[in-house]
N, C-alpha and C. Protein backbone atom coordinates (compact mmCIF):
# COMPACT_ATOMS: atom_id res chain seq x y z
N MET A 1 16.94 -22.99 14.89
CA MET A 1 15.73 -22.18 15.05
C MET A 1 15.53 -21.34 13.80
N SER A 2 14.39 -21.48 13.15
CA SER A 2 14.14 -20.71 11.94
C SER A 2 13.48 -19.38 12.29
N GLN A 3 13.81 -18.39 11.50
CA GLN A 3 13.26 -17.07 11.72
C GLN A 3 12.07 -16.87 10.78
N GLU A 4 11.00 -16.30 11.32
CA GLU A 4 9.80 -16.05 10.52
C GLU A 4 10.08 -15.01 9.44
N PRO A 5 9.53 -15.21 8.24
CA PRO A 5 9.71 -14.22 7.17
C PRO A 5 9.12 -12.86 7.57
N MET A 6 9.80 -11.81 7.18
CA MET A 6 9.36 -10.45 7.48
C MET A 6 8.86 -9.80 6.20
N VAL A 7 7.91 -8.88 6.35
CA VAL A 7 7.32 -8.17 5.24
C VAL A 7 7.40 -6.68 5.53
N ASP A 8 7.83 -5.89 4.55
CA ASP A 8 7.84 -4.44 4.70
C ASP A 8 6.44 -3.90 4.49
N VAL A 9 6.01 -3.02 5.39
CA VAL A 9 4.68 -2.43 5.35
C VAL A 9 4.83 -0.91 5.37
N PHE A 10 4.16 -0.22 4.44
CA PHE A 10 4.19 1.24 4.43
C PHE A 10 3.30 1.77 5.55
N VAL A 11 3.84 2.74 6.30
CA VAL A 11 3.10 3.37 7.38
C VAL A 11 3.27 4.88 7.25
N PRO A 12 2.22 5.61 6.87
CA PRO A 12 0.91 5.13 6.47
C PRO A 12 0.97 4.38 5.13
N ALA A 13 -0.16 3.80 4.76
CA ALA A 13 -0.23 3.02 3.52
C ALA A 13 0.16 3.87 2.32
N LEU A 14 0.83 3.25 1.36
CA LEU A 14 1.25 3.96 0.15
C LEU A 14 0.06 4.53 -0.61
N VAL A 15 -1.01 3.78 -0.71
CA VAL A 15 -2.18 4.28 -1.42
C VAL A 15 -2.73 5.53 -0.74
N ALA A 16 -2.67 5.60 0.58
CA ALA A 16 -3.12 6.79 1.30
C ALA A 16 -2.19 7.97 1.04
N LEU A 17 -0.89 7.70 1.01
CA LEU A 17 0.07 8.77 0.73
C LEU A 17 -0.13 9.35 -0.67
N LEU A 18 -0.35 8.48 -1.65
CA LEU A 18 -0.54 8.95 -3.02
C LEU A 18 -1.86 9.70 -3.18
N THR A 19 -2.90 9.23 -2.51
CA THR A 19 -4.19 9.92 -2.55
C THR A 19 -4.05 11.32 -1.97
N GLN A 20 -3.37 11.42 -0.84
CA GLN A 20 -3.16 12.72 -0.20
C GLN A 20 -2.31 13.63 -1.07
N ALA A 21 -1.26 13.09 -1.69
CA ALA A 21 -0.38 13.90 -2.53
C ALA A 21 -1.14 14.47 -3.72
N GLU A 22 -1.98 13.66 -4.36
CA GLU A 22 -2.77 14.17 -5.49
C GLU A 22 -3.73 15.25 -5.04
N ALA A 23 -4.33 15.09 -3.88
CA ALA A 23 -5.25 16.10 -3.37
C ALA A 23 -4.51 17.41 -3.11
N LEU A 24 -3.29 17.31 -2.59
CA LEU A 24 -2.51 18.51 -2.29
C LEU A 24 -2.06 19.26 -3.55
N VAL A 25 -1.65 18.53 -4.59
CA VAL A 25 -1.18 19.20 -5.80
C VAL A 25 -2.33 19.53 -6.75
N GLY A 26 -3.49 18.91 -6.56
CA GLY A 26 -4.65 19.23 -7.37
C GLY A 26 -4.59 18.72 -8.80
N ARG A 27 -3.84 17.65 -9.01
CA ARG A 27 -3.72 17.06 -10.35
C ARG A 27 -3.23 15.63 -10.19
N ASP A 28 -3.23 14.89 -11.30
CA ASP A 28 -2.68 13.53 -11.28
C ASP A 28 -1.17 13.58 -11.06
N LEU A 29 -0.67 12.66 -10.28
CA LEU A 29 0.77 12.54 -10.08
C LEU A 29 1.42 11.93 -11.31
N THR A 30 2.65 12.30 -11.56
CA THR A 30 3.42 11.68 -12.64
C THR A 30 4.03 10.38 -12.12
N GLU A 31 4.53 9.57 -13.04
CA GLU A 31 5.18 8.33 -12.64
C GLU A 31 6.38 8.62 -11.74
N ASN A 32 7.16 9.63 -12.08
CA ASN A 32 8.32 9.99 -11.25
C ASN A 32 7.89 10.41 -9.85
N GLU A 33 6.80 11.16 -9.75
CA GLU A 33 6.32 11.58 -8.43
C GLU A 33 5.85 10.39 -7.60
N VAL A 34 5.13 9.47 -8.23
CA VAL A 34 4.67 8.27 -7.51
C VAL A 34 5.87 7.47 -7.01
N ASN A 35 6.84 7.26 -7.88
CA ASN A 35 8.02 6.49 -7.48
C ASN A 35 8.83 7.21 -6.41
N ASN A 36 8.91 8.51 -6.48
CA ASN A 36 9.64 9.29 -5.47
C ASN A 36 8.96 9.18 -4.11
N ILE A 37 7.64 9.29 -4.09
CA ILE A 37 6.89 9.14 -2.83
C ILE A 37 7.09 7.74 -2.27
N ARG A 38 6.97 6.74 -3.14
CA ARG A 38 7.18 5.34 -2.72
C ARG A 38 8.57 5.16 -2.10
N ASP A 39 9.59 5.69 -2.78
CA ASP A 39 10.96 5.49 -2.34
C ASP A 39 11.29 6.20 -1.03
N LYS A 40 10.57 7.29 -0.73
CA LYS A 40 10.84 8.06 0.48
C LYS A 40 9.89 7.74 1.63
N ALA A 41 8.88 6.91 1.36
CA ALA A 41 7.88 6.60 2.38
C ALA A 41 8.47 5.73 3.49
N THR A 42 7.91 5.86 4.66
CA THR A 42 8.32 5.08 5.82
C THR A 42 7.77 3.67 5.73
N LYS A 43 8.65 2.70 5.97
CA LYS A 43 8.25 1.29 5.99
C LYS A 43 8.72 0.69 7.30
N VAL A 44 7.95 -0.26 7.78
CA VAL A 44 8.34 -1.04 8.95
C VAL A 44 8.27 -2.51 8.58
N SER A 45 9.15 -3.31 9.13
CA SER A 45 9.15 -4.75 8.89
C SER A 45 8.27 -5.42 9.93
N GLN A 46 7.36 -6.26 9.43
CA GLN A 46 6.44 -6.98 10.30
C GLN A 46 6.53 -8.46 9.99
N PRO A 47 6.38 -9.32 11.01
CA PRO A 47 6.33 -10.76 10.73
C PRO A 47 5.16 -11.07 9.78
N GLN A 48 5.41 -11.90 8.81
CA GLN A 48 4.40 -12.22 7.81
C GLN A 48 3.10 -12.73 8.44
N ALA A 49 3.20 -13.43 9.55
CA ALA A 49 2.01 -13.97 10.22
C ALA A 49 1.09 -12.88 10.76
N LEU A 50 1.62 -11.67 10.99
CA LEU A 50 0.80 -10.58 11.52
C LEU A 50 0.08 -9.78 10.44
N ILE A 51 0.40 -10.02 9.18
CA ILE A 51 -0.17 -9.23 8.09
C ILE A 51 -1.69 -9.35 7.99
N PRO A 52 -2.28 -10.55 8.11
CA PRO A 52 -3.76 -10.61 8.06
C PRO A 52 -4.43 -9.72 9.12
N ALA A 53 -3.90 -9.69 10.33
CA ALA A 53 -4.47 -8.85 11.38
C ALA A 53 -4.28 -7.37 11.05
N LEU A 54 -3.12 -7.03 10.50
CA LEU A 54 -2.86 -5.64 10.10
C LEU A 54 -3.86 -5.21 9.03
N LEU A 55 -4.11 -6.07 8.05
CA LEU A 55 -5.06 -5.75 6.99
C LEU A 55 -6.46 -5.57 7.54
N GLN A 56 -6.85 -6.42 8.46
CA GLN A 56 -8.18 -6.27 9.08
C GLN A 56 -8.28 -4.95 9.83
N GLN A 57 -7.21 -4.59 10.53
CA GLN A 57 -7.21 -3.33 11.29
C GLN A 57 -7.23 -2.13 10.35
N ARG A 58 -6.43 -2.18 9.30
CA ARG A 58 -6.33 -1.08 8.35
C ARG A 58 -7.60 -0.98 7.51
N GLY A 59 -8.15 -2.13 7.15
CA GLY A 59 -9.39 -2.16 6.39
C GLY A 59 -9.21 -2.22 4.89
N TYR A 60 -7.98 -2.22 4.42
CA TYR A 60 -7.72 -2.31 2.98
C TYR A 60 -6.29 -2.78 2.74
N HIS A 61 -6.08 -3.35 1.56
CA HIS A 61 -4.75 -3.74 1.12
C HIS A 61 -4.01 -2.50 0.65
N ASP A 62 -2.72 -2.61 0.51
CA ASP A 62 -1.91 -1.51 -0.01
C ASP A 62 -1.41 -1.88 -1.40
N LEU A 63 -0.81 -0.92 -2.06
CA LEU A 63 -0.20 -1.16 -3.35
C LEU A 63 1.07 -1.99 -3.17
N TYR A 64 1.40 -2.78 -4.16
CA TYR A 64 2.63 -3.57 -4.17
C TYR A 64 3.74 -2.65 -4.67
N ALA A 65 4.72 -2.38 -3.82
CA ALA A 65 5.74 -1.35 -4.08
C ALA A 65 6.41 -1.46 -5.45
N PRO A 66 6.89 -2.66 -5.88
CA PRO A 66 7.56 -2.71 -7.18
C PRO A 66 6.65 -2.35 -8.36
N GLU A 67 5.34 -2.44 -8.16
CA GLU A 67 4.39 -2.11 -9.23
C GLU A 67 3.53 -0.90 -8.85
N ALA A 68 4.08 -0.01 -8.03
CA ALA A 68 3.30 1.11 -7.50
C ALA A 68 2.64 1.94 -8.59
N TRP A 69 3.38 2.32 -9.62
CA TRP A 69 2.82 3.16 -10.66
C TRP A 69 1.67 2.46 -11.38
N GLN A 70 1.91 1.22 -11.81
CA GLN A 70 0.89 0.49 -12.54
C GLN A 70 -0.35 0.26 -11.67
N GLN A 71 -0.14 -0.12 -10.42
CA GLN A 71 -1.27 -0.37 -9.54
C GLN A 71 -2.01 0.93 -9.19
N TRP A 72 -1.27 2.01 -9.04
CA TRP A 72 -1.90 3.30 -8.76
C TRP A 72 -2.83 3.70 -9.90
N GLN A 73 -2.38 3.49 -11.13
CA GLN A 73 -3.22 3.80 -12.28
C GLN A 73 -4.48 2.94 -12.30
N ARG A 74 -4.32 1.65 -12.06
CA ARG A 74 -5.47 0.73 -12.02
C ARG A 74 -6.42 1.09 -10.88
N TYR A 75 -5.88 1.45 -9.72
CA TYR A 75 -6.71 1.83 -8.57
C TYR A 75 -7.55 3.06 -8.90
N LYS A 76 -6.91 4.07 -9.49
CA LYS A 76 -7.64 5.30 -9.82
C LYS A 76 -8.69 5.06 -10.89
N ASP A 77 -8.46 4.12 -11.78
CA ASP A 77 -9.42 3.79 -12.83
C ASP A 77 -10.52 2.85 -12.34
N GLY A 78 -10.46 2.47 -11.06
CA GLY A 78 -11.47 1.58 -10.50
C GLY A 78 -11.28 0.12 -10.88
N GLN A 79 -10.09 -0.21 -11.36
CA GLN A 79 -9.82 -1.58 -11.79
C GLN A 79 -9.06 -2.40 -10.76
N LEU A 80 -8.72 -1.79 -9.62
CA LEU A 80 -7.99 -2.49 -8.57
C LEU A 80 -8.73 -2.31 -7.26
N ASP A 81 -9.28 -3.40 -6.74
CA ASP A 81 -10.02 -3.39 -5.49
C ASP A 81 -9.05 -3.70 -4.35
N LEU A 82 -8.90 -2.77 -3.44
CA LEU A 82 -7.98 -2.96 -2.30
C LEU A 82 -8.73 -3.32 -1.02
N SER A 83 -10.03 -3.60 -1.13
CA SER A 83 -10.80 -3.92 0.07
C SER A 83 -10.38 -5.26 0.65
N VAL A 84 -10.56 -5.38 1.95
CA VAL A 84 -10.23 -6.60 2.68
C VAL A 84 -11.51 -7.39 2.89
N ASP A 85 -11.44 -8.67 2.65
CA ASP A 85 -12.58 -9.56 2.89
C ASP A 85 -12.71 -9.76 4.40
N THR A 86 -13.66 -9.08 5.00
CA THR A 86 -13.83 -9.14 6.46
C THR A 86 -14.40 -10.46 6.92
N ASN A 87 -14.90 -11.29 6.02
CA ASN A 87 -15.42 -12.61 6.39
C ASN A 87 -14.33 -13.66 6.40
N ASN A 88 -13.14 -13.30 5.96
CA ASN A 88 -12.02 -14.25 5.86
C ASN A 88 -11.02 -13.93 6.97
N ASN A 89 -10.73 -14.87 7.80
CA ASN A 89 -9.80 -14.65 8.92
C ASN A 89 -8.35 -14.78 8.52
N GLY A 90 -8.04 -15.05 7.30
CA GLY A 90 -6.67 -15.21 6.90
C GLY A 90 -6.46 -14.63 5.58
């Protein structure tokens, strides 16, 4: 019997945590701060097959943890679209 692959999901989303943190400190986060928030954030493991439904429910993609700093910079510069294609069921 094979086990379905699991995916770690930030709860709440990492992008939401970083957005809130910047609002609270009133300035751009440093790379160390972004990585610290990422490393301390709560994650849950979900079966990979459930991820499309989770994205539809959440309404947006999250940052990819190993590239959190780089993606955070691109997101803030408007170069990273995290929206979910609601016309796509998968």
